[in-house]
Amino acid sequence: MFVSVIIPCLNVEEYIEDCLASVYNQSYKQFEVICIENNSKDNTLSKLRGLEDDLYPDLIVLEESKPGACAARNKGLSVAKGEWVQFLDADDTLKPGKLEHQIKLLKSKKAISFVAGASEYVSNGGEVKVVIPQNGAPLLAAFVRELGNTCSNLWNRNVLNNANGWNEDLSSSQETDLMFRLLVLEKEVIIDHNPLTMIYERISGQISQSNPIKRWSNFIDLRIKFLAEIKFSHPKTFTTYQSDFETFLLSSIIILSKYDRIRALGFLNKYHFNYKTIVLKYGIGKKILFCFKVFGPKTTLMIFSKRKNF
């Protein structure tokens, strides 16, 4: 099976060499590497050209003027030859056996949408956290951000193309949007618990920073749309996991209320919760449930939006 490794590159001159080394050091050798330079202000493009000349003569370097990682990834997809796609952010790395391990998982399966992989998150302080995908219903796992991530997963190129690739109009939650559209196609997902992808924290990429109101609003709005679709196309899944879906959604709205209480209230009005289904999970505690039942949503958000923790 041939793999296309697609790497968007924006202001990553200090990271891209390590990123590419982690790809070319893979034990599985049937791959191509496509780097897409995306309006960098530093020397990323010249760095890529230098690596192409000195170390990796088969490296494919493209340029995409439309801003955003989604546009860059789609540009890579448009020329990719692999049956499978490994997306990789230019400041992250793969452990040497990543591709070989996940290709082996595929050989006994058919109609696979993607392999949902585990990963290691490395904080700015050097702390490492292992994140493992959730077993069970893939739609729920994607909803609660527990179905791998862009770089830890291995993606079926044909299924990606059938789903029209990445949504370039979204400024956040692109990964969840893509997973949901793939899952709607009724393809199977393989869960991989082996953390072979290293994700490095960058302050500019954190959801709690860089316009958190817009990011959390997109995050919530997308999930409300998903729930409407799940209710319609997968009613059994919605009924079985309604408490998880709605508890996670409510928790996200409460986080948004810390930045914009009015907008959070708008989402509460947009999605009609059955508070009997809310459980003590995803940060929701007994005090929150009590307040919603006794005082209603407006007063509850007024109380908890002023607290750092809930």
C-alpha atoms as a PDB file:
ATOM      1  CA  MET A   1       0.000   0.000   0.000  1.00  0.00           C
ATOM      2  CA  PHE A   2       1.408   3.354  -1.049  1.00  0.00           C
ATOM      3  CA  VAL A   3       1.142   6.288   1.401  1.00  0.00           C
ATOM      4  CA  SER A   4       1.113  10.014   0.638  1.00  0.00           C
ATOM      5  CA  VAL A   5       2.506  12.128   3.468  1.00  0.00           C
ATOM      6  CA  ILE A   6       1.045  15.634   3.194  1.00  0.00           C
ATOM      7  CA  ILE A   7       2.628  18.447   5.228  1.00  0.00           C
ATOM      8  CA  PRO A   8       1.274  22.045   5.252  1.00  0.00           C
ATOM      9  CA  CYS A   9       4.113  24.486   5.925  1.00  0.00           C
ATOM     10  CA  LEU A  10       3.580  27.940   7.419  1.00  0.00           C
ATOM     11  CA  ASN A  11       6.477  29.703   9.171  1.00  0.00           C
ATOM     12  CA  VAL A  12       8.112  26.421  10.193  1.00  0.00           C
ATOM     13  CA  GLU A  13      11.712  26.844   9.079  1.00  0.00           C
ATOM     14  CA  GLU A  14      12.961  25.782  12.529  1.00  0.00           C
ATOM     15  CA  TYR A  15      10.778  22.644  12.687  1.00  0.00           C
ATOM     16  CA  ILE A  16      10.499  21.213   9.185  1.00  0.00           C
ATOM     17  CA  GLU A  17      13.893  19.474   9.124  1.00  0.00           C
ATOM     18  CA  ASP A  18      13.038  17.325  12.177  1.00  0.00           C
ATOM     19  CA  CYS A  19       9.564  16.693  10.795  1.00  0.00           C
ATOM     20  CA  LEU A  20      10.878  15.441   7.453  1.00  0.00           C
ATOM     21  CA  ALA A  21      13.590  13.358   9.098  1.00  0.00           C
ATOM     22  CA  SER A  22      10.900  11.550  11.107  1.00  0.00           C
ATOM     23  CA  VAL A  23       9.109  10.688   7.849  1.00  0.00           C
ATOM     24  CA  TYR A  24      12.144   9.567   5.867  1.00  0.00           C
ATOM     25  CA  ASN A  25      13.275   7.449   8.838  1.00  0.00           C
ATOM     26  CA  GLN A  26      10.092   5.376   8.709  1.00  0.00           C
ATOM     27  CA  SER A  27      10.596   1.609   8.638  1.00  0.00           C
ATOM     28  CA  TYR A  28       7.862   1.487   5.964  1.00  0.00           C
ATOM     29  CA  LYS A  29       9.352   2.840   2.753  1.00  0.00           C
ATOM     30  CA  GLN A  30       6.455   2.911   0.272  1.00  0.00           C
ATOM     31  CA  PHE A  31       5.553   6.585   0.526  1.00  0.00           C
ATOM     32  CA  GLU A  32       5.832   9.989  -1.100  1.00  0.00           C
ATOM     33  CA  VAL A  33       6.205  13.287   0.745  1.00  0.00           C
ATOM     34  CA  ILE A  34       4.343  16.413  -0.350  1.00  0.00           C
ATOM     35  CA  CYS A  35       5.103  19.725   1.401  1.00  0.00           C
ATOM     36  CA  ILE A  36       2.846  22.691   0.695  1.00  0.00           C
ATOM     37  CA  GLU A  37       4.302  26.117   1.464  1.00  0.00           C
ATOM     38  CA  ASN A  38       1.434  28.351   2.564  1.00  0.00           C
ATOM     39  CA  ASN A  39       2.340  32.078   2.602  1.00  0.00           C
ATOM     40  CA  SER A  40       5.185  31.863   5.125  1.00  0.00           C
ATOM     41  CA  LYS A  41       6.843  35.078   6.300  1.00  0.00           C
ATOM     42  CA  ASP A  42      10.085  33.331   7.251  1.00  0.00           C
ATOM     43  CA  ASN A  43      12.486  31.201   5.188  1.00  0.00           C
ATOM     44  CA  THR A  44      10.307  28.087   5.081  1.00  0.00           C
ATOM     45  CA  LEU A  45      10.262  27.873   1.275  1.00  0.00           C
ATOM     46  CA  SER A  46      14.022  28.242   0.877  1.00  0.00           C
ATOM     47  CA  LYS A  47      14.510  25.705   3.675  1.00  0.00           C
ATOM     48  CA  LEU A  48      12.305  23.228   1.814  1.00  0.00           C
ATOM     49  CA  ARG A  49      14.190  23.808  -1.445  1.00  0.00           C
ATOM     50  CA  GLY A  50      17.470  23.282   0.340  1.00  0.00           C
ATOM     51  CA  LEU A  51      16.303  20.005   1.906  1.00  0.00           C
ATOM     52  CA  GLU A  52      15.063  18.890  -1.511  1.00  0.00           C
ATOM     53  CA  ASP A  53      18.445  19.641  -3.091  1.00  0.00           C
ATOM     54  CA  ASP A  54      20.661  18.265  -0.322  1.00  0.00           C
ATOM     55  CA  LEU A  55      18.804  15.360   1.294  1.00  0.00           C
ATOM     56  CA  TYR A  56      15.478  14.440  -0.279  1.00  0.00           C
ATOM     57  CA  PRO A  57      15.523  14.660  -4.093  1.00  0.00           C
ATOM     58  CA  ASP A  58      12.103  12.993  -4.336  1.00  0.00           C
ATOM     59  CA  LEU A  59      10.477  15.559  -2.015  1.00  0.00           C
ATOM     60  CA  ILE A  60       7.522  17.275  -3.707  1.00  0.00           C
ATOM     61  CA  VAL A  61       7.307  20.989  -2.835  1.00  0.00           C
ATOM     62  CA  LEU A  62       4.155  22.890  -3.782  1.00  0.00           C
ATOM     63  CA  GLU A  63       2.873  26.364  -3.014  1.00  0.00           C
ATOM     64  CA  GLU A  64      -0.684  27.342  -2.027  1.00  0.00           C
ATOM     65  CA  SER A  65      -1.665  31.016  -1.854  1.00  0.00           C
ATOM     66  CA  LYS A  66      -5.048  30.498  -0.201  1.00  0.00           C
ATOM     67  CA  PRO A  67      -4.386  30.764   3.542  1.00  0.00           C
ATOM     68  CA  GLY A  68      -5.128  27.934   5.944  1.00  0.00           C
ATOM     69  CA  ALA A  69      -3.954  24.388   6.587  1.00  0.00           C
ATOM     70  CA  CYS A  70      -7.133  22.982   5.012  1.00  0.00           C
ATOM     71  CA  ALA A  71      -6.393  24.632   1.662  1.00  0.00           C
ATOM     72  CA  ALA A  72      -2.800  23.386   1.836  1.00  0.00           C
ATOM     73  CA  ARG A  73      -3.894  19.834   2.653  1.00  0.00           C
ATOM     74  CA  ASN A  74      -6.395  19.851  -0.197  1.00  0.00           C
ATOM     75  CA  LYS A  75      -3.650  21.033  -2.553  1.00  0.00           C
ATOM     76  CA  GLY A  76      -1.595  18.047  -1.455  1.00  0.00           C
ATOM     77  CA  LEU A  77      -4.556  15.717  -1.916  1.00  0.00           C
ATOM     78  CA  SER A  78      -5.024  16.951  -5.473  1.00  0.00           C
ATOM     79  CA  VAL A  79      -1.671  15.458  -6.504  1.00  0.00           C
ATOM     80  CA  ALA A  80      -1.389  12.587  -4.011  1.00  0.00           C
ATOM     81  CA  LYS A  81      -0.887   9.115  -5.461  1.00  0.00           C
ATOM     82  CA  GLY A  82      -1.175   7.076  -2.282  1.00  0.00           C
ATOM     83  CA  GLU A  83      -4.045   4.787  -1.361  1.00  0.00           C
ATOM     84  CA  TRP A  84      -3.603   6.120   2.174  1.00  0.00           C
ATOM     85  CA  VAL A  85      -2.787   9.595   3.436  1.00  0.00           C
ATOM     86  CA  GLN A  86      -0.692  10.617   6.406  1.00  0.00           C
ATOM     87  CA  PHE A  87      -1.323  14.281   7.223  1.00  0.00           C
ATOM     88  CA  LEU A  88       1.426  15.767   9.346  1.00  0.00           C
ATOM     89  CA  ASP A  89       1.838  19.246  10.781  1.00  0.00           C
ATOM     90  CA  ALA A  90       5.315  20.576  10.106  1.00  0.00           C
ATOM     91  CA  ASP A  91       6.150  21.013  13.795  1.00  0.00           C
ATOM     92  CA  ASP A  92       5.139  17.449  14.740  1.00  0.00           C
ATOM     93  CA  THR A  93       6.930  14.150  14.191  1.00  0.00           C
ATOM     94  CA  LEU A  94       6.283  10.447  13.632  1.00  0.00           C
ATOM     95  CA  LYS A  95       7.979   7.624  15.493  1.00  0.00           C
ATOM     96  CA  PRO A  96       9.878   5.279  13.115  1.00  0.00           C
ATOM     97  CA  GLY A  97       7.282   2.483  13.064  1.00  0.00           C
ATOM     98  CA  LYS A  98       4.151   4.608  12.667  1.00  0.00           C
ATOM     99  CA  LEU A  99       3.304   3.918   9.046  1.00  0.00           C
ATOM    100  CA  GLU A 100       4.312   0.244   9.128  1.00  0.00           C
ATOM    101  CA  HIS A 101       2.241  -0.402  12.239  1.00  0.00           C
ATOM    102  CA  GLN A 102      -0.935   1.186  10.881  1.00  0.00           C
ATOM    103  CA  ILE A 103      -0.578  -0.385   7.419  1.00  0.00           C
ATOM    104  CA  LYS A 104      -0.453  -3.792   9.115  1.00  0.00           C
ATOM    105  CA  LEU A 105      -3.724  -2.968  10.901  1.00  0.00           C
ATOM    106  CA  LEU A 106      -5.375  -2.323   7.539  1.00  0.00           C
ATOM    107  CA  LYS A 107      -4.475  -5.599   5.889  1.00  0.00           C
ATOM    108  CA  SER A 108      -7.224  -7.626   7.578  1.00  0.00           C
ATOM    109  CA  LYS A 109      -9.958  -5.046   7.042  1.00  0.00           C
ATOM    110  CA  LYS A 110     -12.045  -3.678   4.178  1.00  0.00           C
ATOM    111  CA  ALA A 111     -14.047  -0.474   3.707  1.00  0.00           C
ATOM    112  CA  ILE A 112     -11.961   1.442   6.249  1.00  0.00           C
ATOM    113  CA  SER A 113     -12.495   5.197   6.477  1.00  0.00           C
ATOM    114  CA  PHE A 114      -9.454   5.868   8.639  1.00  0.00           C
ATOM    115  CA  VAL A 115      -7.257   4.484  11.367  1.00  0.00           C
ATOM    116  CA  ALA A 116      -7.792   6.499  14.561  1.00  0.00           C
ATOM    117  CA  GLY A 117      -4.376   6.647  16.182  1.00  0.00           C
ATOM    118  CA  ALA A 118      -3.073   7.417  19.644  1.00  0.00           C
ATOM    119  CA  SER A 119      -0.511  10.161  20.153  1.00  0.00           C
ATOM    120  CA  GLU A 120       1.796  11.777  22.674  1.00  0.00           C
ATOM    121  CA  TYR A 121       1.193  15.459  23.394  1.00  0.00           C
ATOM    122  CA  VAL A 122       4.289  17.335  24.527  1.00  0.00           C
ATOM    123  CA  SER A 123       3.549  20.591  26.359  1.00  0.00           C
ATOM    124  CA  ASN A 124       5.670  23.730  26.154  1.00  0.00           C
ATOM    125  CA  GLY A 125       7.073  22.695  29.523  1.00  0.00           C
ATOM    126  CA  GLY A 126       8.090  19.275  28.267  1.00  0.00           C
ATOM    127  CA  GLU A 127       5.333  17.293  29.968  1.00  0.00           C
ATOM    128  CA  VAL A 128       4.109  14.315  27.926  1.00  0.00           C
ATOM    129  CA  LYS A 129       0.491  13.161  27.886  1.00  0.00           C
ATOM    130  CA  VAL A 130      -0.608  10.048  26.030  1.00  0.00           C
ATOM    131  CA  VAL A 131      -3.973  10.469  24.273  1.00  0.00           C
ATOM    132  CA  ILE A 132      -5.699   7.250  23.229  1.00  0.00           C
ATOM    133  CA  PRO A 133      -8.790   7.035  20.986  1.00  0.00           C
ATOM    134  CA  GLN A 134     -12.049   5.890  22.521  1.00  0.00           C
ATOM    135  CA  ASN A 135     -13.456   2.472  21.758  1.00  0.00           C
ATOM    136  CA  GLY A 136     -17.177   2.214  21.074  1.00  0.00           C
ATOM    137  CA  ALA A 137     -19.312   4.439  18.872  1.00  0.00           C
ATOM    138  CA  PRO A 138     -17.090   6.403  16.428  1.00  0.00           C
ATOM    139  CA  LEU A 139     -19.649   9.210  16.083  1.00  0.00           C
ATOM    140  CA  LEU A 140     -19.555   9.829  19.820  1.00  0.00           C
ATOM    141  CA  ALA A 141     -15.774   9.558  19.956  1.00  0.00           C
ATOM    142  CA  ALA A 142     -15.416  12.158  17.194  1.00  0.00           C
ATOM    143  CA  PHE A 143     -17.948  14.411  18.946  1.00  0.00           C
ATOM    144  CA  VAL A 144     -15.962  14.434  22.217  1.00  0.00           C
ATOM    145  CA  ARG A 145     -12.550  14.694  20.484  1.00  0.00           C
ATOM    146  CA  GLU A 146     -11.494  11.134  21.296  1.00  0.00           C
ATOM    147  CA  LEU A 147     -11.056   9.640  17.821  1.00  0.00           C
ATOM    148  CA  GLY A 148      -7.425  10.446  17.168  1.00  0.00           C
ATOM    149  CA  ASN A 149      -6.339  13.599  15.402  1.00  0.00           C
ATOM    150  CA  THR A 150      -5.214  14.909  12.043  1.00  0.00           C
ATOM    151  CA  CYS A 151      -1.635  13.667  12.381  1.00  0.00           C
ATOM    152  CA  SER A 152      -2.069  10.474  14.408  1.00  0.00           C
ATOM    153  CA  ASN A 153      -4.678   9.048  12.030  1.00  0.00           C
ATOM    154  CA  LEU A 154      -4.129   7.344   8.674  1.00  0.00           C
ATOM    155  CA  TRP A 155      -6.748   8.322   6.103  1.00  0.00           C
ATOM    156  CA  ASN A 156      -8.289   6.518   3.120  1.00  0.00           C
ATOM    157  CA  ARG A 157      -7.645   8.801   0.116  1.00  0.00           C
ATOM    158  CA  ASN A 158     -10.652   7.597  -1.887  1.00  0.00           C
ATOM    159  CA  VAL A 159     -12.978   8.190   1.052  1.00  0.00           C
ATOM    160  CA  LEU A 160     -11.443  11.636   1.599  1.00  0.00           C
ATOM    161  CA  ASN A 161     -12.078  12.527  -2.025  1.00  0.00           C
ATOM    162  CA  ASN A 162     -15.653  11.202  -1.867  1.00  0.00           C
ATOM    163  CA  ALA A 163     -16.232  13.500   1.116  1.00  0.00           C
ATOM    164  CA  ASN A 164     -14.723  16.458  -0.819  1.00  0.00           C
ATOM    165  CA  GLY A 165     -11.679  16.709   1.427  1.00  0.00           C
ATOM    166  CA  TRP A 166     -11.157  19.391   4.035  1.00  0.00           C
ATOM    167  CA  ASN A 167     -13.655  22.217   4.515  1.00  0.00           C
ATOM    168  CA  GLU A 168     -11.631  25.326   3.684  1.00  0.00           C
ATOM    169  CA  ASP A 169     -14.354  27.668   4.977  1.00  0.00           C
ATOM    170  CA  LEU A 170     -13.941  26.568   8.603  1.00  0.00           C
ATOM    171  CA  SER A 171     -11.445  28.430  10.775  1.00  0.00           C
ATOM    172  CA  SER A 172     -11.550  25.834  13.569  1.00  0.00           C
ATOM    173  CA  SER A 173     -12.933  22.344  14.327  1.00  0.00           C
ATOM    174  CA  GLN A 174     -11.919  21.275  10.801  1.00  0.00           C
ATOM    175  CA  GLU A 175     -10.761  17.898  12.081  1.00  0.00           C
ATOM    176  CA  THR A 176     -14.074  17.062  13.737  1.00  0.00           C
ATOM    177  CA  ASP A 177     -15.969  18.235  10.669  1.00  0.00           C
ATOM    178  CA  LEU A 178     -13.905  15.952   8.417  1.00  0.00           C
ATOM    179  CA  MET A 179     -14.272  12.924  10.679  1.00  0.00           C
ATOM    180  CA  PHE A 180     -18.012  13.374  10.903  1.00  0.00           C
ATOM    181  CA  ARG A 181     -18.421  13.605   7.122  1.00  0.00           C
ATOM    182  CA  LEU A 182     -16.345  10.452   6.687  1.00  0.00           C
ATOM    183  CA  LEU A 183     -18.309   8.563   9.349  1.00  0.00           C
ATOM    184  CA  VAL A 184     -21.607   9.454   7.685  1.00  0.00           C
ATOM    185  CA  LEU A 185     -20.376   7.462   4.679  1.00  0.00           C
ATOM    186  CA  GLU A 186     -20.806   4.339   6.846  1.00  0.00           C
ATOM    187  CA  LYS A 187     -17.188   3.210   6.604  1.00  0.00           C
ATOM    188  CA  GLU A 188     -15.463   1.368   9.414  1.00  0.00           C
ATOM    189  CA  VAL A 189     -12.836   2.908  11.709  1.00  0.00           C
ATOM    190  CA  ILE A 190      -9.887   1.042  13.192  1.00  0.00           C
ATOM    191  CA  ILE A 191      -8.832   2.084  16.702  1.00  0.00           C
ATOM    192  CA  ASP A 192      -5.072   2.104  17.249  1.00  0.00           C
ATOM    193  CA  HIS A 193      -3.910   2.404  20.877  1.00  0.00           C
ATOM    194  CA  ASN A 194      -0.194   2.591  20.060  1.00  0.00           C
ATOM    195  CA  PRO A 195       1.027   6.223  20.416  1.00  0.00           C
ATOM    196  CA  LEU A 196       3.390   6.678  17.479  1.00  0.00           C
ATOM    197  CA  THR A 197       2.788  10.362  16.709  1.00  0.00           C
ATOM    198  CA  MET A 198       4.375  13.232  18.644  1.00  0.00           C
ATOM    199  CA  ILE A 199       2.245  16.384  18.835  1.00  0.00           C
ATOM    200  CA  TYR A 200       4.067  19.445  20.147  1.00  0.00           C
ATOM    201  CA  GLU A 201       2.168  22.253  21.805  1.00  0.00           C
ATOM    202  CA  ARG A 202       2.382  25.680  20.250  1.00  0.00           C
ATOM    203  CA  ILE A 203       0.788  28.633  22.002  1.00  0.00           C
ATOM    204  CA  SER A 204      -0.690  29.990  18.769  1.00  0.00           C
ATOM    205  CA  GLY A 205      -2.665  26.789  18.257  1.00  0.00           C
ATOM    206  CA  GLN A 206      -4.422  26.541  21.583  1.00  0.00           C
ATOM    207  CA  ILE A 207      -8.193  26.840  21.541  1.00  0.00           C
ATOM    208  CA  SER A 208      -8.144  28.859  24.792  1.00  0.00           C
ATOM    209  CA  GLN A 209      -6.120  31.582  23.048  1.00  0.00           C
ATOM    210  CA  SER A 210      -6.304  33.267  19.647  1.00  0.00           C
ATOM    211  CA  ASN A 211      -9.920  34.483  19.599  1.00  0.00           C
ATOM    212  CA  PRO A 212     -11.459  31.933  21.997  1.00  0.00           C
ATOM    213  CA  ILE A 213     -14.997  33.276  21.473  1.00  0.00           C
ATOM    214  CA  LYS A 214     -14.902  32.529  17.750  1.00  0.00           C
ATOM    215  CA  ARG A 215     -13.219  29.167  18.238  1.00  0.00           C
ATOM    216  CA  TRP A 216     -15.562  27.909  20.943  1.00  0.00           C
ATOM    217  CA  SER A 217     -18.569  29.244  19.035  1.00  0.00           C
ATOM    218  CA  ASN A 218     -17.505  27.276  15.942  1.00  0.00           C
ATOM    219  CA  PHE A 219     -16.809  24.264  18.135  1.00  0.00           C
ATOM    220  CA  ILE A 220     -20.317  24.324  19.608  1.00  0.00           C
ATOM    221  CA  ASP A 221     -22.191  25.311  16.457  1.00  0.00           C
ATOM    222  CA  LEU A 222     -20.632  22.439  14.532  1.00  0.00           C
ATOM    223  CA  ARG A 223     -21.656  19.934  17.180  1.00  0.00           C
ATOM    224  CA  ILE A 224     -25.237  21.184  17.300  1.00  0.00           C
ATOM    225  CA  LYS A 225     -25.419  20.632  13.537  1.00  0.00           C
ATOM    226  CA  PHE A 226     -23.913  17.174  13.982  1.00  0.00           C
ATOM    227  CA  LEU A 227     -26.499  16.208  16.572  1.00  0.00           C
ATOM    228  CA  ALA A 228     -29.323  17.182  14.234  1.00  0.00           C
ATOM    229  CA  GLU A 229     -27.784  14.944  11.556  1.00  0.00           C
ATOM    230  CA  ILE A 230     -27.145  12.088  14.000  1.00  0.00           C
ATOM    231  CA  LYS A 231     -30.736  12.211  15.240  1.00  0.00           C
ATOM    232  CA  PHE A 232     -31.919  11.894  11.652  1.00  0.00           C
ATOM    233  CA  SER A 233     -29.474   9.409  10.131  1.00  0.00           C
ATOM    234  CA  HIS A 234     -28.353   7.430  13.211  1.00  0.00           C
ATOM    235  CA  PRO A 235     -31.279   7.607  15.676  1.00  0.00           C
ATOM    236  CA  LYS A 236     -30.178   4.507  17.567  1.00  0.00           C
ATOM    237  CA  THR A 237     -26.732   5.957  18.181  1.00  0.00           C
ATOM    238  CA  PHE A 238     -28.224   9.242  19.369  1.00  0.00           C
ATOM    239  CA  THR A 239     -30.640   7.518  21.759  1.00  0.00           C
ATOM    240  CA  THR A 240     -27.962   5.214  23.152  1.00  0.00           C
ATOM    241  CA  TYR A 241     -25.442   7.977  23.796  1.00  0.00           C
ATOM    242  CA  GLN A 242     -27.695  10.999  24.282  1.00  0.00           C
ATOM    243  CA  SER A 243     -26.425  11.653  27.802  1.00  0.00           C
ATOM    244  CA  ASP A 244     -22.812  11.779  26.574  1.00  0.00           C
ATOM    245  CA  PHE A 245     -23.613  13.952  23.563  1.00  0.00           C
ATOM    246  CA  GLU A 246     -25.606  16.482  25.552  1.00  0.00           C
ATOM    247  CA  THR A 247     -23.339  16.511  28.619  1.00  0.00           C
ATOM    248  CA  PHE A 248     -20.294  17.274  26.475  1.00  0.00           C
ATOM    249  CA  LEU A 249     -22.206  19.957  24.562  1.00  0.00           C
ATOM    250  CA  LEU A 250     -23.408  21.596  27.777  1.00  0.00           C
ATOM    251  CA  SER A 251     -19.889  21.570  29.195  1.00  0.00           C
ATOM    252  CA  SER A 252     -18.607  23.323  26.046  1.00  0.00           C
ATOM    253  CA  ILE A 253     -21.315  25.993  26.292  1.00  0.00           C
ATOM    254  CA  ILE A 254     -20.372  26.687  29.908  1.00  0.00           C
ATOM    255  CA  ILE A 255     -16.737  27.172  28.856  1.00  0.00           C
ATOM    256  CA  LEU A 256     -17.884  29.635  26.176  1.00  0.00           C
ATOM    257  CA  SER A 257     -19.910  31.510  28.822  1.00  0.00           C
ATOM    258  CA  LYS A 258     -16.650  32.473  30.536  1.00  0.00           C
ATOM    259  CA  TYR A 259     -15.819  34.529  27.435  1.00  0.00           C
ATOM    260  CA  ASP A 260     -19.288  35.521  26.188  1.00  0.00           C
ATOM    261  CA  ARG A 261     -22.315  34.724  28.355  1.00  0.00           C
ATOM    262  CA  ILE A 262     -24.845  36.172  25.878  1.00  0.00           C
ATOM    263  CA  ARG A 263     -23.587  33.985  23.059  1.00  0.00           C
ATOM    264  CA  ALA A 264     -23.590  30.956  25.343  1.00  0.00           C
ATOM    265  CA  LEU A 265     -27.213  31.632  26.259  1.00  0.00           C
ATOM    266  CA  GLY A 266     -28.001  31.819  22.554  1.00  0.00           C
ATOM    267  CA  PHE A 267     -26.687  28.284  22.111  1.00  0.00           C
ATOM    268  CA  LEU A 268     -28.774  27.092  25.050  1.00  0.00           C
ATOM    269  CA  ASN A 269     -31.819  28.522  23.311  1.00  0.00           C
ATOM    270  CA  LYS A 270     -30.755  26.970  20.007  1.00  0.00           C
ATOM    271  CA  TYR A 271     -30.388  23.457  21.413  1.00  0.00           C
ATOM    272  CA  HIS A 272     -33.128  22.286  23.754  1.00  0.00           C
ATOM    273  CA  PHE A 273     -31.476  20.154  26.397  1.00  0.00           C
ATOM    274  CA  ASN A 274     -33.188  17.423  28.320  1.00  0.00           C
ATOM    275  CA  TYR A 275     -31.433  18.083  31.616  1.00  0.00           C
ATOM    276  CA  LYS A 276     -32.516  14.687  32.904  1.00  0.00           C
ATOM    277  CA  THR A 277     -29.992  13.163  30.492  1.00  0.00           C
ATOM    278  CA  ILE A 278     -27.028  15.195  31.775  1.00  0.00           C
ATOM    279  CA  VAL A 279     -24.520  13.103  33.741  1.00  0.00           C
ATOM    280  CA  LEU A 280     -21.549  13.861  35.955  1.00  0.00           C
ATOM    281  CA  LYS A 281     -18.972  13.805  33.179  1.00  0.00           C
ATOM    282  CA  TYR A 282     -16.875  16.072  30.943  1.00  0.00           C
ATOM    283  CA  GLY A 283     -16.480  18.607  33.745  1.00  0.00           C
ATOM    284  CA  ILE A 284     -20.166  18.751  34.692  1.00  0.00           C
ATOM    285  CA  GLY A 285     -20.600  18.492  38.461  1.00  0.00           C
ATOM    286  CA  LYS A 286     -23.474  18.216  40.909  1.00  0.00           C
ATOM    287  CA  LYS A 287     -23.610  21.977  41.537  1.00  0.00           C
ATOM    288  CA  ILE A 288     -24.138  22.765  37.872  1.00  0.00           C
ATOM    289  CA  LEU A 289     -26.952  20.250  37.507  1.00  0.00           C
ATOM    290  CA  PHE A 290     -28.606  21.501  40.663  1.00  0.00           C
ATOM    291  CA  CYS A 291     -28.453  25.123  39.497  1.00  0.00           C
ATOM    292  CA  PHE A 292     -29.853  24.356  36.038  1.00  0.00           C
ATOM    293  CA  LYS A 293     -32.811  22.528  37.569  1.00  0.00           C
ATOM    294  CA  VAL A 294     -33.507  25.064  40.300  1.00  0.00           C
ATOM    295  CA  PHE A 295     -32.499  28.444  38.839  1.00  0.00           C
ATOM    296  CA  GLY A 296     -32.592  27.854  35.088  1.00  0.00           C
ATOM    297  CA  PRO A 297     -29.908  28.357  32.421  1.00  0.00           C
ATOM    298  CA  LYS A 298     -29.523  32.156  32.559  1.00  0.00           C
ATOM    299  CA  THR A 299     -28.772  32.334  36.277  1.00  0.00           C
ATOM    300  CA  THR A 300     -26.599  29.220  36.131  1.00  0.00           C
ATOM    301  CA  LEU A 301     -24.390  30.637  33.401  1.00  0.00           C
ATOM    302  CA  MET A 302     -24.151  33.931  35.297  1.00  0.00           C
ATOM    303  CA  ILE A 303     -22.857  32.030  38.327  1.00  0.00           C
ATOM    304  CA  PHE A 304     -20.439  29.651  36.655  1.00  0.00           C
ATOM    305  CA  SER A 305     -19.131  31.971  33.936  1.00  0.00           C
ATOM    306  CA  LYS A 306     -17.356  33.917  36.712  1.00  0.00           C
ATOM    307  CA  ARG A 307     -15.496  30.845  37.975  1.00  0.00           C
ATOM    308  CA  LYS A 308     -12.211  29.543  36.620  1.00  0.00           C
ATOM    309  CA  ASN A 309     -13.219  25.958  37.349  1.00  0.00           C
ATOM    310  CA  PHE A 310     -16.621  24.353  37.427  1.00  0.00           C
END
